[in-house]
């Protein structure tokens, strides 16, 4: 298994949680905060989804015996 991708996804998860906590602690324009949080959450979901697909592909290639990645 590729531990770099797992560690990277964990770091992204921690960063996403920190962004969410820091945005929710601010006071002010709720509409601006809502739009910003929604955009960041969509981007975060896309990045995590791509990392999950990469990990699944890596696991599949490991079981198939094809460790080389062609891009």
PDB file of N, CA and C in Angstrom:
ATOM      1  N   UNK A   1       0.827  -1.173   0.000  1.00  0.00           N
ATOM      2  CA  UNK A   1       0.000   0.000   0.000  1.00  0.00           C
ATOM      3  C   UNK A   1       0.877   1.244   0.000  1.00  0.00           C
ATOM      4  N   UNK A   2       0.402   2.276  -0.565  1.00  0.00           N
ATOM      5  CA  UNK A   2       1.180   3.490  -0.685  1.00  0.00           C
ATOM      6  C   UNK A   2       0.906   4.390   0.527  1.00  0.00           C
ATOM      7  N   UNK A   3       1.829   4.409   1.452  1.00  0.00           N
ATOM      8  CA  UNK A   3       1.646   5.135   2.706  1.00  0.00           C
ATOM      9  C   UNK A   3       1.700   6.643   2.503  1.00  0.00           C
ATOM     10  N   UNK A   4       2.355   7.085   1.456  1.00  0.00           N
ATOM     11  CA  UNK A   4       2.437   8.528   1.208  1.00  0.00           C
ATOM     12  C   UNK A   4       1.044   9.098   0.943  1.00  0.00           C
ATOM     13  N   UNK A   5       0.254   8.402   0.163  1.00  0.00           N
ATOM     14  CA  UNK A   5      -1.100   8.875  -0.131  1.00  0.00           C
ATOM     15  C   UNK A   5      -1.981   8.866   1.108  1.00  0.00           C
ATOM     16  N   UNK A   6      -1.812   7.866   1.956  1.00  0.00           N
ATOM     17  CA  UNK A   6      -2.598   7.796   3.182  1.00  0.00           C
ATOM     18  C   UNK A   6      -2.219   8.935   4.120  1.00  0.00           C
ATOM     19  N   UNK A   7      -0.929   9.186   4.282  1.00  0.00           N
ATOM     20  CA  UNK A   7      -0.485  10.291   5.127  1.00  0.00           C
ATOM     21  C   UNK A   7      -0.945  11.620   4.542  1.00  0.00           C
ATOM     22  N   UNK A   8      -0.853  11.772   3.235  1.00  0.00           N
ATOM     23  CA  UNK A   8      -1.285  13.006   2.571  1.00  0.00           C
ATOM     24  C   UNK A   8      -2.778  13.236   2.765  1.00  0.00           C
ATOM     25  N   UNK A   9      -3.577  12.198   2.642  1.00  0.00           N
ATOM     26  CA  UNK A   9      -5.020  12.358   2.838  1.00  0.00           C
ATOM     27  C   UNK A   9      -5.345  12.688   4.289  1.00  0.00           C
ATOM     28  N   UNK A  10      -4.589  12.134   5.229  1.00  0.00           N
ATOM     29  CA  UNK A  10      -4.792  12.470   6.648  1.00  0.00           C
ATOM     30  C   UNK A  10      -4.450  13.932   6.910  1.00  0.00           C
ATOM     31  N   UNK A  11      -3.364  14.417   6.313  1.00  0.00           N
ATOM     32  CA  UNK A  11      -2.991  15.824   6.476  1.00  0.00           C
ATOM     33  C   UNK A  11      -4.061  16.726   5.880  1.00  0.00           C
ATOM     34  N   UNK A  12      -4.598  16.370   4.715  1.00  0.00           N
ATOM     35  CA  UNK A  12      -5.672  17.158   4.106  1.00  0.00           C
ATOM     36  C   UNK A  12      -6.921  17.158   4.975  1.00  0.00           C
ATOM     37  N   UNK A  13      -7.228  16.027   5.591  1.00  0.00           N
ATOM     38  CA  UNK A  13      -8.388  15.951   6.473  1.00  0.00           C
ATOM     39  C   UNK A  13      -8.218  16.878   7.672  1.00  0.00           C
ATOM     40  N   UNK A  14      -7.031  16.867   8.279  1.00  0.00           N
ATOM     41  CA  UNK A  14      -6.759  17.744   9.418  1.00  0.00           C
ATOM     42  C   UNK A  14      -6.842  19.207   8.995  1.00  0.00           C
ATOM     43  N   UNK A  15      -6.287  19.537   7.838  1.00  0.00           N
ATOM     44  CA  UNK A  15      -6.356  20.917   7.343  1.00  0.00           C
ATOM     45  C   UNK A  15      -7.795  21.337   7.082  1.00  0.00           C
ATOM     46  N   UNK A  16      -8.592  20.456   6.523  1.00  0.00           N
ATOM     47  CA  UNK A  16      -9.996  20.766   6.285  1.00  0.00           C
ATOM     48  C   UNK A  16     -10.756  21.022   7.577  1.00  0.00           C
ATOM     49  N   UNK A  17     -10.481  20.223   8.587  1.00  0.00           N
ATOM     50  CA  UNK A  17     -11.126  20.430   9.883  1.00  0.00           C
ATOM     51  C   UNK A  17     -10.689  21.753  10.486  1.00  0.00           C
ATOM     52  N   UNK A  18      -9.402  22.077  10.379  1.00  0.00           N
ATOM     53  CA  UNK A  18      -8.913  23.347  10.912  1.00  0.00           C
ATOM     54  C   UNK A  18      -9.525  24.537  10.180  1.00  0.00           C
ATOM     55  N   UNK A  19      -9.683  24.441   8.870  1.00  0.00           N
ATOM     56  CA  UNK A  19     -10.322  25.510   8.104  1.00  0.00           C
ATOM     57  C   UNK A  19     -11.768  25.681   8.543  1.00  0.00           C
ATOM     58  N   UNK A  20     -12.462  24.570   8.726  1.00  0.00           N
ATOM     59  CA  UNK A  20     -13.858  24.637   9.143  1.00  0.00           C
ATOM     60  C   UNK A  20     -13.989  25.273  10.529  1.00  0.00           C
ATOM     61  N   UNK A  21     -13.125  24.894  11.451  1.00  0.00           N
ATOM     62  CA  UNK A  21     -13.174  25.442  12.806  1.00  0.00           C
ATOM     63  C   UNK A  21     -12.826  26.929  12.799  1.00  0.00           C
ATOM     64  N   UNK A  22     -11.815  27.312  12.038  1.00  0.00           N
ATOM     65  CA  UNK A  22     -11.428  28.723  12.015  1.00  0.00           C
ATOM     66  C   UNK A  22     -12.499  29.593  11.375  1.00  0.00           C
ATOM     67  N   UNK A  23     -13.190  29.079  10.358  1.00  0.00           N
ATOM     68  CA  UNK A  23     -14.248  29.858   9.723  1.00  0.00           C
ATOM     69  C   UNK A  23     -15.482  29.975  10.609  1.00  0.00           C
ATOM     70  N   UNK A  24     -15.764  28.938  11.366  1.00  0.00           N
ATOM     71  CA  UNK A  24     -16.951  28.994  12.204  1.00  0.00           C
ATOM     72  C   UNK A  24     -16.741  29.844  13.452  1.00  0.00           C
ATOM     73  N   UNK A  25     -15.498  30.134  13.805  1.00  0.00           N
ATOM     74  CA  UNK A  25     -15.240  30.943  14.988  1.00  0.00           C
ATOM     75  C   UNK A  25     -15.313  32.440  14.703  1.00  0.00           C
ATOM     76  N   UNK A  26     -15.278  32.839  13.443  1.00  0.00           N
ATOM     77  CA  UNK A  26     -15.349  34.259  13.083  1.00  0.00           C
ATOM     78  C   UNK A  26     -16.781  34.770  13.183  1.00  0.00           C
ATOM     79  N   UNK A  27     -16.905  36.030  13.484  1.00  0.00           N
ATOM     80  CA  UNK A  27     -18.219  36.663  13.517  1.00  0.00           C
ATOM     81  C   UNK A  27     -18.290  37.645  12.348  1.00  0.00           C
ATOM     82  N   UNK A  28     -19.482  37.889  11.844  1.00  0.00           N
ATOM     83  CA  UNK A  28     -19.616  38.841  10.751  1.00  0.00           C
ATOM     84  C   UNK A  28     -20.683  38.421   9.763  1.00  0.00           C
ATOM     85  N   UNK A  29     -20.395  38.613   8.502  1.00  0.00           N
ATOM     86  CA  UNK A  29     -21.347  38.340   7.441  1.00  0.00           C
ATOM     87  C   UNK A  29     -21.553  36.836   7.283  1.00  0.00           C
ATOM     88  N   UNK A  30     -22.739  36.374   7.667  1.00  0.00           N
ATOM     89  CA  UNK A  30     -23.015  34.930   7.618  1.00  0.00           C
ATOM     90  C   UNK A  30     -23.140  34.428   6.183  1.00  0.00           C
ATOM     91  N   UNK A  31     -23.647  35.251   5.304  1.00  0.00           N
ATOM     92  CA  UNK A  31     -23.798  34.825   3.903  1.00  0.00           C
ATOM     93  C   UNK A  31     -22.437  34.598   3.259  1.00  0.00           C
ATOM     94  N   UNK A  32     -21.505  35.514   3.494  1.00  0.00           N
ATOM     95  CA  UNK A  32     -20.158  35.366   2.950  1.00  0.00           C
ATOM     96  C   UNK A  32     -19.486  34.124   3.520  1.00  0.00           C
ATOM     97  N   UNK A  33     -19.674  33.900   4.808  1.00  0.00           N
ATOM     98  CA  UNK A  33     -19.087  32.727   5.449  1.00  0.00           C
ATOM     99  C   UNK A  33     -19.690  31.436   4.884  1.00  0.00           C
ATOM    100  N   UNK A  34     -21.014  31.447   4.648  1.00  0.00           N
ATOM    101  CA  UNK A  34     -21.683  30.273   4.098  1.00  0.00           C
ATOM    102  C   UNK A  34     -21.175  29.945   2.702  1.00  0.00           C
ATOM    103  N   UNK A  35     -21.059  30.954   1.859  1.00  0.00           N
ATOM    104  CA  UNK A  35     -20.578  30.745   0.491  1.00  0.00           C
ATOM    105  C   UNK A  35     -19.148  30.226   0.498  1.00  0.00           C
ATOM    106  N   UNK A  36     -18.303  30.812   1.333  1.00  0.00           N
ATOM    107  CA  UNK A  36     -16.908  30.387   1.420  1.00  0.00           C
ATOM    108  C   UNK A  36     -16.791  28.951   1.931  1.00  0.00           C
ATOM    109  N   UNK A  37     -17.546  28.639   2.962  1.00  0.00           N
ATOM    110  CA  UNK A  37     -17.505  27.281   3.519  1.00  0.00           C
ATOM    111  C   UNK A  37     -18.012  26.256   2.511  1.00  0.00           C
ATOM    112  N   UNK A  38     -19.058  26.603   1.785  1.00  0.00           N
ATOM    113  CA  UNK A  38     -19.610  25.685   0.789  1.00  0.00           C
ATOM    114  C   UNK A  38     -18.609  25.421  -0.334  1.00  0.00           C
ATOM    115  N   UNK A  39     -17.951  26.474  -0.820  1.00  0.00           N
ATOM    116  CA  UNK A  39     -16.954  26.311  -1.878  1.00  0.00           C
ATOM    117  C   UNK A  39     -15.773  25.484  -1.391  1.00  0.00           C
ATOM    118  N   UNK A  40     -15.323  25.748  -0.172  1.00  0.00           N
ATOM    119  CA  UNK A  40     -14.196  24.990   0.368  1.00  0.00           C
ATOM    120  C   UNK A  40     -14.569  23.539   0.603  1.00  0.00           C
ATOM    121  N   UNK A  41     -15.787  23.287   1.044  1.00  0.00           N
ATOM    122  CA  UNK A  41     -16.190  21.906   1.289  1.00  0.00           C
ATOM    123  C   UNK A  41     -16.288  21.122  -0.018  1.00  0.00           C
ATOM    124  N   UNK A  42     -16.788  21.759  -1.087  1.00  0.00           N
ATOM    125  CA  UNK A  42     -16.834  21.071  -2.376  1.00  0.00           C
ATOM    126  C   UNK A  42     -15.423  20.748  -2.880  1.00  0.00           C
ATOM    127  N   UNK A  43     -14.519  21.696  -2.762  1.00  0.00           N
ATOM    128  CA  UNK A  43     -13.139  21.452  -3.192  1.00  0.00           C
ATOM    129  C   UNK A  43     -12.502  20.362  -2.354  1.00  0.00           C
ATOM    130  N   UNK A  44     -12.767  20.362  -1.062  1.00  0.00           N
ATOM    131  CA  UNK A  44     -12.207  19.354  -0.164  1.00  0.00           C
ATOM    132  C   UNK A  44     -12.742  17.965  -0.514  1.00  0.00           C
ATOM    133  N   UNK A  45     -14.027  17.874  -0.809  1.00  0.00           N
ATOM    134  CA  UNK A  45     -14.626  16.585  -1.175  1.00  0.00           C
ATOM    135  C   UNK A  45     -14.018  16.060  -2.472  1.00  0.00           C
ATOM    136  N   UNK A  46     -13.783  16.935  -3.433  1.00  0.00           N
ATOM    137  CA  UNK A  46     -13.184  16.517  -4.697  1.00  0.00           C
ATOM    138  C   UNK A  46     -11.770  15.990  -4.471  1.00  0.00           C
ATOM    139  N   UNK A  47     -10.974  16.692  -3.672  1.00  0.00           N
ATOM    140  CA  UNK A  47      -9.597  16.258  -3.411  1.00  0.00           C
ATOM    141  C   UNK A  47      -9.586  14.921  -2.674  1.00  0.00           C
ATOM    142  N   UNK A  48     -10.398  14.781  -1.651  1.00  0.00           N
ATOM    143  CA  UNK A  48     -10.461  13.519  -0.910  1.00  0.00           C
ATOM    144  C   UNK A  48     -10.959  12.392  -1.807  1.00  0.00           C
ATOM    145  N   UNK A  49     -11.943  12.679  -2.647  1.00  0.00           N
ATOM    146  CA  UNK A  49     -12.439  11.656  -3.579  1.00  0.00           C
ATOM    147  C   UNK A  49     -11.360  11.178  -4.536  1.00  0.00           C
ATOM    148  N   UNK A  50     -10.570  12.105  -5.054  1.00  0.00           N
ATOM    149  CA  UNK A  50      -9.479  11.723  -5.954  1.00  0.00           C
ATOM    150  C   UNK A  50      -8.418  10.906  -5.215  1.00  0.00           C
ATOM    151  N   UNK A  51      -8.120  11.283  -3.983  1.00  0.00           N
ATOM    152  CA  UNK A  51      -7.146  10.507  -3.204  1.00  0.00           C
ATOM    153  C   UNK A  51      -7.655   9.104  -2.905  1.00  0.00           C
ATOM    154  N   UNK A  52      -8.937   8.975  -2.611  1.00  0.00           N
ATOM    155  CA  UNK A  52      -9.506   7.649  -2.372  1.00  0.00           C
ATOM    156  C   UNK A  52      -9.419   6.806  -3.636  1.00  0.00           C
ATOM    157  N   UNK A  53      -9.718   7.404  -4.782  1.00  0.00           N
ATOM    158  CA  UNK A  53      -9.592   6.666  -6.041  1.00  0.00           C
ATOM    159  C   UNK A  53      -8.148   6.241  -6.305  1.00  0.00           C
ATOM    160  N   UNK A  54      -7.186   7.105  -6.000  1.00  0.00           N
ATOM    161  CA  UNK A  54      -5.775   6.759  -6.187  1.00  0.00           C
ATOM    162  C   UNK A  54      -5.365   5.612  -5.269  1.00  0.00           C
ATOM    163  N   UNK A  55      -5.832   5.628  -4.014  1.00  0.00           N
ATOM    164  CA  UNK A  55      -5.496   4.554  -3.079  1.00  0.00           C
ATOM    165  C   UNK A  55      -6.114   3.244  -3.535  1.00  0.00           C
ATOM    166  N   UNK A  56      -7.378   3.284  -3.982  1.00  0.00           N
ATOM    167  CA  UNK A  56      -8.036   2.069  -4.476  1.00  0.00           C
ATOM    168  C   UNK A  56      -7.303   1.535  -5.700  1.00  0.00           C
ATOM    169  N   UNK A  57      -6.897   2.428  -6.601  1.00  0.00           N
ATOM    170  CA  UNK A  57      -6.141   2.001  -7.778  1.00  0.00           C
ATOM    171  C   UNK A  57      -4.813   1.371  -7.374  1.00  0.00           C
ATOM    172  N   UNK A  58      -4.146   1.961  -6.383  1.00  0.00           N
ATOM    173  CA  UNK A  58      -2.870   1.425  -5.912  1.00  0.00           C
ATOM    174  C   UNK A  58      -3.051   0.039  -5.297  1.00  0.00           C
ATOM    175  N   UNK A  59      -4.111  -0.126  -4.522  1.00  0.00           N
ATOM    176  CA  UNK A  59      -4.389  -1.447  -3.927  1.00  0.00           C
ATOM    177  C   UNK A  59      -4.693  -2.464  -5.016  1.00  0.00           C
ATOM    178  N   UNK A  60      -5.479  -2.075  -6.007  1.00  0.00           N
ATOM    179  CA  UNK A  60      -5.813  -2.974  -7.112  1.00  0.00           C
ATOM    180  C   UNK A  60      -4.558  -3.382  -7.875  1.00  0.00           C
ATOM    181  N   UNK A  61      -3.707  -2.403  -8.174  1.00  0.00           N
ATOM    182  CA  UNK A  61      -2.471  -2.716  -8.904  1.00  0.00           C
ATOM    183  C   UNK A  61      -1.540  -3.606  -8.087  1.00  0.00           C
ATOM    184  N   UNK A  62      -1.532  -3.429  -6.776  1.00  0.00           N
ATOM    185  CA  UNK A  62      -0.694  -4.264  -5.916  1.00  0.00           C
ATOM    186  C   UNK A  62      -1.151  -5.717  -5.976  1.00  0.00           C
ATOM    187  N   UNK A  63      -2.467  -5.941  -5.906  1.00  0.00           N
ATOM    188  CA  UNK A  63      -2.979  -7.305  -5.963  1.00  0.00           C
ATOM    189  C   UNK A  63      -2.851  -7.914  -7.349  1.00  0.00           C
ATOM    190  N   UNK A  64      -2.815  -7.092  -8.385  1.00  0.00           N
ATOM    191  CA  UNK A  64      -2.646  -7.591  -9.741  1.00  0.00           C
ATOM    192  C   UNK A  64      -1.183  -7.807 -10.089  1.00  0.00           C
ATOM    193  N   UNK A  65      -0.285  -7.260  -9.279  1.00  0.00           N
ATOM    194  CA  UNK A  65       1.136  -7.418  -9.523  1.00  0.00           C
ATOM    195  C   UNK A  65       1.697  -6.395 -10.482  1.00  0.00           C
ATOM    196  N   UNK A  66       0.983  -5.310 -10.707  1.00  0.00           N
ATOM    197  CA  UNK A  66       1.439  -4.263 -11.616  1.00  0.00           C
ATOM    198  C   UNK A  66       1.647  -2.992 -10.802  1.00  0.00           C
ATOM    199  N   UNK A  67       2.833  -2.844 -10.239  1.00  0.00           N
ATOM    200  CA  UNK A  67       3.105  -1.699  -9.375  1.00  0.00           C
ATOM    201  C   UNK A  67       3.475  -0.446 -10.132  1.00  0.00           C
ATOM    202  N   UNK A  68       3.784  -0.551 -11.407  1.00  0.00           N
ATOM    203  CA  UNK A  68       4.162   0.631 -12.159  1.00  0.00           C
ATOM    204  C   UNK A  68       2.910   1.411 -12.548  1.00  0.00           C
ATOM    205  N   UNK A  69       2.986   2.717 -12.419  1.00  0.00           N
ATOM    206  CA  UNK A  69       1.879   3.585 -12.770  1.00  0.00           C
ATOM    207  C   UNK A  69       2.232   4.306 -14.063  1.00  0.00           C
ATOM    208  N   UNK A  70       1.355   4.162 -15.045  1.00  0.00           N
ATOM    209  CA  UNK A  70       1.567   4.810 -16.340  1.00  0.00           C
ATOM    210  C   UNK A  70       0.650   6.019 -16.413  1.00  0.00           C
ATOM    211  N   UNK A  71       1.245   7.197 -16.538  1.00  0.00           N
ATOM    212  CA  UNK A  71       0.435   8.417 -16.637  1.00  0.00           C
ATOM    213  C   UNK A  71       0.886   9.227 -17.805  1.00  0.00           C
TER     214      UNK A  71
END
